[in-house]
Amino acid sequence: MVRVRGRTTGRVNIAGVVCYRTGHRPRFFFKLHIWHGRRGEAKAFSWRQYRDLIVMPHIQLGTPVVWCWDNLNVHLVKELADFAEEHKG
């Protein structure tokens, strides 16, 4: 936890992926989302940003990736479910 003094608006969100493969070092991929408290600015990750996070390890590692989702509301949106269904392999 990092305490910051000053204005109380704004926040930083992080979404991360840890990848393990036998005989290789673990890898950590992450994305940051910074909200400055401005009008019209998204406060949290969109489903597209999660989709990009899914694609990044697959491309960089060059191997299939197994995902475990929790019930966060953005994980359950139809567009992300459709993307997962289209890219099962």
N, C-alpha and C. Protein backbone atom coordinates (compact mmCIF):
# COMPACT_ATOMS: atom_id res chain seq x y z
N MET A 1 0.85 -1.16 0.00
CA MET A 1 0.00 0.00 0.00
C MET A 1 0.90 1.23 0.00
N VAL A 2 0.54 2.18 -0.83
CA VAL A 2 1.28 3.43 -0.92
C VAL A 2 0.32 4.56 -0.55
N ARG A 3 0.67 5.32 0.45
CA ARG A 3 -0.15 6.46 0.85
C ARG A 3 0.33 7.71 0.13
N VAL A 4 -0.62 8.47 -0.39
CA VAL A 4 -0.31 9.69 -1.12
C VAL A 4 -1.10 10.83 -0.52
N ARG A 5 -0.44 11.91 -0.29
CA ARG A 5 -1.12 13.10 0.23
C ARG A 5 -1.56 13.98 -0.91
N GLY A 6 -2.58 14.79 -0.64
CA GLY A 6 -3.04 15.71 -1.67
C GLY A 6 -4.49 15.48 -2.00
N ARG A 7 -4.86 15.78 -3.23
CA ARG A 7 -6.25 15.62 -3.66
C ARG A 7 -6.72 14.19 -3.44
N THR A 8 -7.99 14.04 -3.20
CA THR A 8 -8.53 12.71 -2.97
C THR A 8 -9.12 12.10 -4.24
N THR A 9 -9.19 12.86 -5.35
CA THR A 9 -9.71 12.29 -6.58
C THR A 9 -8.60 11.62 -7.35
N GLY A 10 -8.98 10.63 -8.13
CA GLY A 10 -8.02 9.89 -8.92
C GLY A 10 -7.67 8.56 -8.28
N ARG A 11 -7.27 7.64 -9.14
CA ARG A 11 -6.85 6.33 -8.65
C ARG A 11 -6.07 5.61 -9.75
N VAL A 12 -5.37 4.57 -9.34
CA VAL A 12 -4.61 3.74 -10.26
C VAL A 12 -5.09 2.30 -10.11
N ASN A 13 -5.47 1.69 -11.22
CA ASN A 13 -5.87 0.28 -11.24
C ASN A 13 -4.79 -0.50 -11.96
N ILE A 14 -4.61 -1.74 -11.55
CA ILE A 14 -3.66 -2.62 -12.23
C ILE A 14 -4.35 -3.96 -12.50
N ALA A 15 -4.13 -4.48 -13.69
CA ALA A 15 -4.60 -5.81 -14.05
C ALA A 15 -3.34 -6.59 -14.41
N GLY A 16 -3.20 -7.77 -13.82
CA GLY A 16 -1.98 -8.53 -14.04
C GLY A 16 -2.21 -9.98 -14.36
N VAL A 17 -1.22 -10.56 -15.00
CA VAL A 17 -1.24 -11.97 -15.39
C VAL A 17 0.09 -12.58 -15.00
N VAL A 18 0.05 -13.70 -14.30
CA VAL A 18 1.27 -14.44 -13.98
C VAL A 18 1.23 -15.72 -14.79
N CYS A 19 2.31 -15.99 -15.51
CA CYS A 19 2.38 -17.18 -16.36
C CYS A 19 3.48 -18.10 -15.85
N TYR A 20 3.13 -19.36 -15.66
CA TYR A 20 4.08 -20.39 -15.20
C TYR A 20 4.18 -21.46 -16.27
N ARG A 21 5.40 -21.90 -16.51
CA ARG A 21 5.64 -22.99 -17.46
C ARG A 21 6.80 -23.82 -16.92
N THR A 22 6.63 -25.11 -16.87
CA THR A 22 7.66 -26.00 -16.33
C THR A 22 8.98 -25.79 -17.06
N GLY A 23 10.04 -25.60 -16.29
CA GLY A 23 11.36 -25.43 -16.86
C GLY A 23 11.68 -24.02 -17.30
N HIS A 24 10.76 -23.08 -17.10
CA HIS A 24 10.98 -21.69 -17.48
C HIS A 24 10.72 -20.79 -16.29
N ARG A 25 11.24 -19.59 -16.33
CA ARG A 25 10.99 -18.65 -15.25
C ARG A 25 9.55 -18.11 -15.35
N PRO A 26 8.94 -17.78 -14.22
CA PRO A 26 7.59 -17.19 -14.27
C PRO A 26 7.64 -15.83 -14.96
N ARG A 27 6.56 -15.47 -15.60
CA ARG A 27 6.45 -14.17 -16.27
C ARG A 27 5.27 -13.42 -15.70
N PHE A 28 5.40 -12.10 -15.61
CA PHE A 28 4.33 -11.24 -15.10
C PHE A 28 4.05 -10.17 -16.14
N PHE A 29 2.82 -10.11 -16.59
CA PHE A 29 2.36 -9.10 -17.54
C PHE A 29 1.33 -8.25 -16.81
N PHE A 30 1.34 -6.95 -17.07
CA PHE A 30 0.36 -6.10 -16.40
C PHE A 30 0.04 -4.88 -17.25
N LYS A 31 -1.09 -4.28 -16.93
CA LYS A 31 -1.51 -3.02 -17.53
C LYS A 31 -1.95 -2.10 -16.40
N LEU A 32 -1.64 -0.84 -16.53
CA LEU A 32 -2.08 0.16 -15.57
C LEU A 32 -3.18 1.00 -16.19
N HIS A 33 -4.13 1.39 -15.37
CA HIS A 33 -5.16 2.33 -15.79
C HIS A 33 -5.17 3.46 -14.76
N ILE A 34 -4.87 4.66 -15.22
CA ILE A 34 -4.81 5.80 -14.31
C ILE A 34 -5.99 6.71 -14.57
N TRP A 35 -6.74 7.00 -13.52
CA TRP A 35 -7.86 7.92 -13.59
C TRP A 35 -7.49 9.16 -12.81
N HIS A 36 -7.53 10.30 -13.48
CA HIS A 36 -7.12 11.55 -12.85
C HIS A 36 -8.27 12.30 -12.20
N GLY A 37 -9.48 11.76 -12.30
CA GLY A 37 -10.64 12.42 -11.71
C GLY A 37 -11.26 13.46 -12.62
N ARG A 38 -10.97 13.38 -13.90
CA ARG A 38 -11.52 14.34 -14.86
C ARG A 38 -12.85 13.85 -15.41
N ARG A 39 -13.69 14.78 -15.78
CA ARG A 39 -14.99 14.43 -16.37
C ARG A 39 -14.79 13.72 -17.70
N GLY A 40 -15.61 12.70 -17.95
CA GLY A 40 -15.56 11.97 -19.20
C GLY A 40 -14.44 10.95 -19.29
N GLU A 41 -13.60 10.89 -18.30
CA GLU A 41 -12.49 9.95 -18.29
C GLU A 41 -12.95 8.64 -17.65
N ALA A 42 -12.62 7.52 -18.28
CA ALA A 42 -13.02 6.21 -17.73
C ALA A 42 -12.33 5.94 -16.40
N LYS A 43 -13.11 5.46 -15.42
CA LYS A 43 -12.56 5.19 -14.09
C LYS A 43 -11.88 3.83 -13.98
N ALA A 44 -12.25 2.92 -14.87
CA ALA A 44 -11.74 1.55 -14.75
C ALA A 44 -11.43 1.00 -16.14
N PHE A 45 -10.87 -0.20 -16.17
CA PHE A 45 -10.55 -0.86 -17.42
C PHE A 45 -11.82 -1.16 -18.22
N SER A 46 -11.70 -1.09 -19.52
CA SER A 46 -12.79 -1.51 -20.40
C SER A 46 -12.56 -2.96 -20.81
N TRP A 47 -13.56 -3.58 -21.41
CA TRP A 47 -13.40 -4.96 -21.84
C TRP A 47 -12.31 -5.05 -22.92
N ARG A 48 -12.13 -4.00 -23.72
CA ARG A 48 -11.10 -4.00 -24.76
C ARG A 48 -9.70 -4.03 -24.15
N GLN A 49 -9.52 -3.32 -23.04
CA GLN A 49 -8.22 -3.33 -22.37
C GLN A 49 -7.92 -4.71 -21.79
N TYR A 50 -8.95 -5.39 -21.26
CA TYR A 50 -8.75 -6.77 -20.80
C TYR A 50 -8.44 -7.69 -21.97
N ARG A 51 -9.13 -7.49 -23.08
CA ARG A 51 -8.85 -8.30 -24.27
C ARG A 51 -7.39 -8.14 -24.69
N ASP A 52 -6.90 -6.91 -24.70
CA ASP A 52 -5.50 -6.67 -25.08
C ASP A 52 -4.54 -7.34 -24.10
N LEU A 53 -4.91 -7.36 -22.82
CA LEU A 53 -4.08 -8.04 -21.83
C LEU A 53 -4.07 -9.55 -22.05
N ILE A 54 -5.15 -10.10 -22.54
CA ILE A 54 -5.23 -11.53 -22.85
C ILE A 54 -4.31 -11.86 -24.03
N VAL A 55 -4.31 -11.01 -25.03
CA VAL A 55 -3.56 -11.25 -26.25
C VAL A 55 -2.05 -11.10 -26.02
N MET A 56 -1.65 -10.14 -25.20
CA MET A 56 -0.23 -9.82 -25.00
C MET A 56 0.62 -11.04 -24.58
N PRO A 57 0.26 -11.79 -23.51
CA PRO A 57 1.10 -12.94 -23.14
C PRO A 57 1.14 -14.02 -24.23
N HIS A 58 0.00 -14.22 -24.88
CA HIS A 58 -0.07 -15.24 -25.93
C HIS A 58 0.93 -14.91 -27.04
N ILE A 59 0.99 -13.67 -27.45
CA ILE A 59 1.91 -13.26 -28.52
C ILE A 59 3.36 -13.32 -28.04
N GLN A 60 3.62 -12.75 -26.86
CA GLN A 60 5.01 -12.70 -26.39
C GLN A 60 5.58 -14.06 -26.02
N LEU A 61 4.75 -14.93 -25.48
CA LEU A 61 5.24 -16.26 -25.08
C LEU A 61 5.16 -17.27 -26.21
N GLY A 62 4.31 -17.02 -27.20
CA GLY A 62 4.18 -17.92 -28.34
C GLY A 62 3.63 -19.27 -27.97
N THR A 63 2.73 -19.30 -27.01
CA THR A 63 2.16 -20.56 -26.54
C THR A 63 0.71 -20.32 -26.11
N PRO A 64 -0.11 -21.35 -26.10
CA PRO A 64 -1.48 -21.17 -25.60
C PRO A 64 -1.46 -20.78 -24.11
N VAL A 65 -2.46 -20.06 -23.70
CA VAL A 65 -2.56 -19.57 -22.32
C VAL A 65 -3.90 -20.00 -21.74
N VAL A 66 -3.90 -20.47 -20.51
CA VAL A 66 -5.13 -20.86 -19.81
C VAL A 66 -5.52 -19.73 -18.87
N TRP A 67 -6.77 -19.29 -18.93
CA TRP A 67 -7.25 -18.16 -18.12
C TRP A 67 -8.21 -18.62 -17.05
N CYS A 68 -8.11 -18.04 -15.88
CA CYS A 68 -9.04 -18.26 -14.79
C CYS A 68 -9.64 -16.91 -14.43
N TRP A 69 -10.95 -16.76 -14.59
CA TRP A 69 -11.63 -15.49 -14.35
C TRP A 69 -12.37 -15.53 -13.03
N ASP A 70 -12.45 -14.38 -12.39
CA ASP A 70 -13.35 -14.24 -11.26
C ASP A 70 -14.64 -13.61 -11.78
N ASN A 71 -15.51 -13.19 -10.90
CA ASN A 71 -16.79 -12.65 -11.33
C ASN A 71 -16.82 -11.12 -11.36
N LEU A 72 -15.68 -10.50 -11.64
CA LEU A 72 -15.65 -9.05 -11.81
C LEU A 72 -16.60 -8.69 -12.95
N ASN A 73 -17.36 -7.62 -12.79
CA ASN A 73 -18.40 -7.30 -13.77
C ASN A 73 -17.87 -7.16 -15.20
N VAL A 74 -16.70 -6.59 -15.40
CA VAL A 74 -16.18 -6.44 -16.75
C VAL A 74 -15.75 -7.79 -17.35
N HIS A 75 -15.39 -8.75 -16.52
CA HIS A 75 -15.05 -10.09 -17.03
C HIS A 75 -16.27 -10.80 -17.60
N LEU A 76 -17.45 -10.37 -17.22
CA LEU A 76 -18.68 -11.05 -17.61
C LEU A 76 -19.41 -10.38 -18.77
N VAL A 77 -18.86 -9.32 -19.35
CA VAL A 77 -19.55 -8.64 -20.44
C VAL A 77 -19.59 -9.53 -21.67
N LYS A 78 -20.63 -9.36 -22.47
CA LYS A 78 -20.86 -10.21 -23.63
C LYS A 78 -19.70 -10.15 -24.64
N GLU A 79 -19.17 -8.96 -24.88
CA GLU A 79 -18.10 -8.82 -25.87
C GLU A 79 -16.86 -9.62 -25.49
N LEU A 80 -16.51 -9.62 -24.23
CA LEU A 80 -15.34 -10.38 -23.78
C LEU A 80 -15.61 -11.88 -23.83
N ALA A 81 -16.82 -12.27 -23.49
CA ALA A 81 -17.20 -13.69 -23.60
C ALA A 81 -17.17 -14.14 -25.05
N ASP A 82 -17.66 -13.29 -25.96
CA ASP A 82 -17.63 -13.63 -27.39
C ASP A 82 -16.19 -13.75 -27.89
N PHE A 83 -15.32 -12.86 -27.45
CA PHE A 83 -13.91 -12.93 -27.84
C PHE A 83 -13.29 -14.24 -27.36
N ALA A 84 -13.55 -14.60 -26.10
CA ALA A 84 -13.01 -15.85 -25.55
C ALA A 84 -13.53 -17.06 -26.33
N GLU A 85 -14.81 -17.03 -26.68
CA GLU A 85 -15.41 -18.15 -27.44
C GLU A 85 -14.78 -18.26 -28.84
N GLU A 86 -14.53 -17.14 -29.49
CA GLU A 86 -13.93 -17.14 -30.82
C GLU A 86 -12.48 -17.64 -30.82
N HIS A 87 -11.80 -17.48 -29.67
CA HIS A 87 -10.38 -17.80 -29.60
C HIS A 87 -10.09 -18.92 -28.59
N LYS A 88 -10.96 -19.90 -28.54
CA LYS A 88 -10.77 -21.02 -27.61
C LYS A 88 -9.43 -21.70 -27.78
N GLY A 89 -9.03 -21.90 -29.01
CA GLY A 89 -7.81 -22.64 -29.31
C GLY A 89 -6.57 -21.92 -28.87
